C-alpha atoms as a PDB file:
ATOM      1  CA  MET A   1     116.369 103.176  84.633  1.00  0.00           C
ATOM      2  CA  LEU A   2     114.957 106.649  85.190  1.00  0.00           C
ATOM      3  CA  PRO A   3     118.353 108.353  84.745  1.00  0.00           C
ATOM      4  CA  ASP A   4     118.832 106.518  81.449  1.00  0.00           C
ATOM      5  CA  ILE A   5     115.529 107.907  80.178  1.00  0.00           C
ATOM      6  CA  LEU A   6     116.216 111.424  81.435  1.00  0.00           C
ATOM      7  CA  LEU A   7     119.698 111.581  79.908  1.00  0.00           C
ATOM      8  CA  ASN A   8     118.078 111.706  76.475  1.00  0.00           C
ATOM      9  CA  TYR A   9     116.725 115.172  77.311  1.00  0.00           C
ATOM     10  CA  THR A  10     119.933 116.821  78.533  1.00  0.00           C
ATOM     11  CA  ASP A  11     120.148 118.885  75.346  1.00  0.00           C
ATOM     12  CA  PHE A  12     116.881 120.605  76.264  1.00  0.00           C
ATOM     13  CA  PHE A  13     117.270 120.873  80.057  1.00  0.00           C
ATOM     14  CA  GLN A  14     120.840 121.187  81.353  1.00  0.00           C
ATOM     15  CA  PRO A  15     120.243 120.270  85.061  1.00  0.00           C
ATOM     16  CA  LEU A  16     119.533 116.686  83.938  1.00  0.00           C
ATOM     17  CA  ASN A  17     123.285 116.372  83.392  1.00  0.00           C
ATOM     18  CA  LEU A  18     123.509 115.653  87.132  1.00  0.00           C
ATOM     19  CA  PHE A  19     122.474 112.086  86.350  1.00  0.00           C
ATOM     20  CA  ASN A  20     125.836 111.612  84.635  1.00  0.00           C
ATOM     21  CA  TYR A  21     127.604 111.741  88.003  1.00  0.00           C
ATOM     22  CA  ILE A  22     127.826 108.510  89.978  1.00  0.00           C
ATOM     23  CA  THR A  23     127.821 110.425  93.282  1.00  0.00           C
ATOM     24  CA  PHE A  24     124.473 112.018  92.461  1.00  0.00           C
ATOM     25  CA  ARG A  25     123.043 108.605  91.582  1.00  0.00           C
ATOM     26  CA  ALA A  26     124.444 107.112  94.798  1.00  0.00           C
ATOM     27  CA  ILE A  27     122.934 109.867  96.934  1.00  0.00           C
ATOM     28  CA  GLY A  28     119.596 109.379  95.161  1.00  0.00           C
ATOM     29  CA  ALA A  29     119.711 105.651  95.868  1.00  0.00           C
ATOM     30  CA  LEU A  30     120.610 106.292  99.500  1.00  0.00           C
ATOM     31  CA  LEU A  31     117.737 108.720  99.999  1.00  0.00           C
ATOM     32  CA  THR A  32     115.299 106.371  98.286  1.00  0.00           C
ATOM     33  CA  ALA A  33     116.347 103.465 100.505  1.00  0.00           C
ATOM     34  CA  LEU A  34     116.121 105.673 103.595  1.00  0.00           C
ATOM     35  CA  LEU A  35     112.629 106.826 102.671  1.00  0.00           C
ATOM     36  CA  ILE A  36     111.447 103.265 102.052  1.00  0.00           C
ATOM     37  CA  SER A  37     112.881 102.101 105.371  1.00  0.00           C
ATOM     38  CA  PHE A  38     111.194 104.968 107.239  1.00  0.00           C
ATOM     39  CA  ILE A  39     107.848 104.154 105.644  1.00  0.00           C
ATOM     40  CA  PHE A  40     107.889 100.350 105.959  1.00  0.00           C
ATOM     41  CA  GLY A  41     110.256  99.934 108.912  1.00  0.00           C
ATOM     42  CA  PRO A  42     107.750 100.425 111.752  1.00  0.00           C
ATOM     43  CA  PHE A  43     105.333  97.971 110.128  1.00  0.00           C
ATOM     44  CA  ILE A  44     108.009  95.308 109.755  1.00  0.00           C
ATOM     45  CA  ILE A  45     109.325  95.815 113.303  1.00  0.00           C
ATOM     46  CA  SER A  46     105.853  95.507 114.823  1.00  0.00           C
ATOM     47  CA  MET A  47     105.263  92.140 113.109  1.00  0.00           C
END
């Protein structure tokens, strides 16, 4: 959803064109999932 919003502004800020690439989106999703698992993982394991 965020990349879809940011793609509207690629005419004004060229680095936002990175969101056009599926590999960049996949790496972003991977890092987001990794961060969430590092934050909530210890809490879930200790339950």
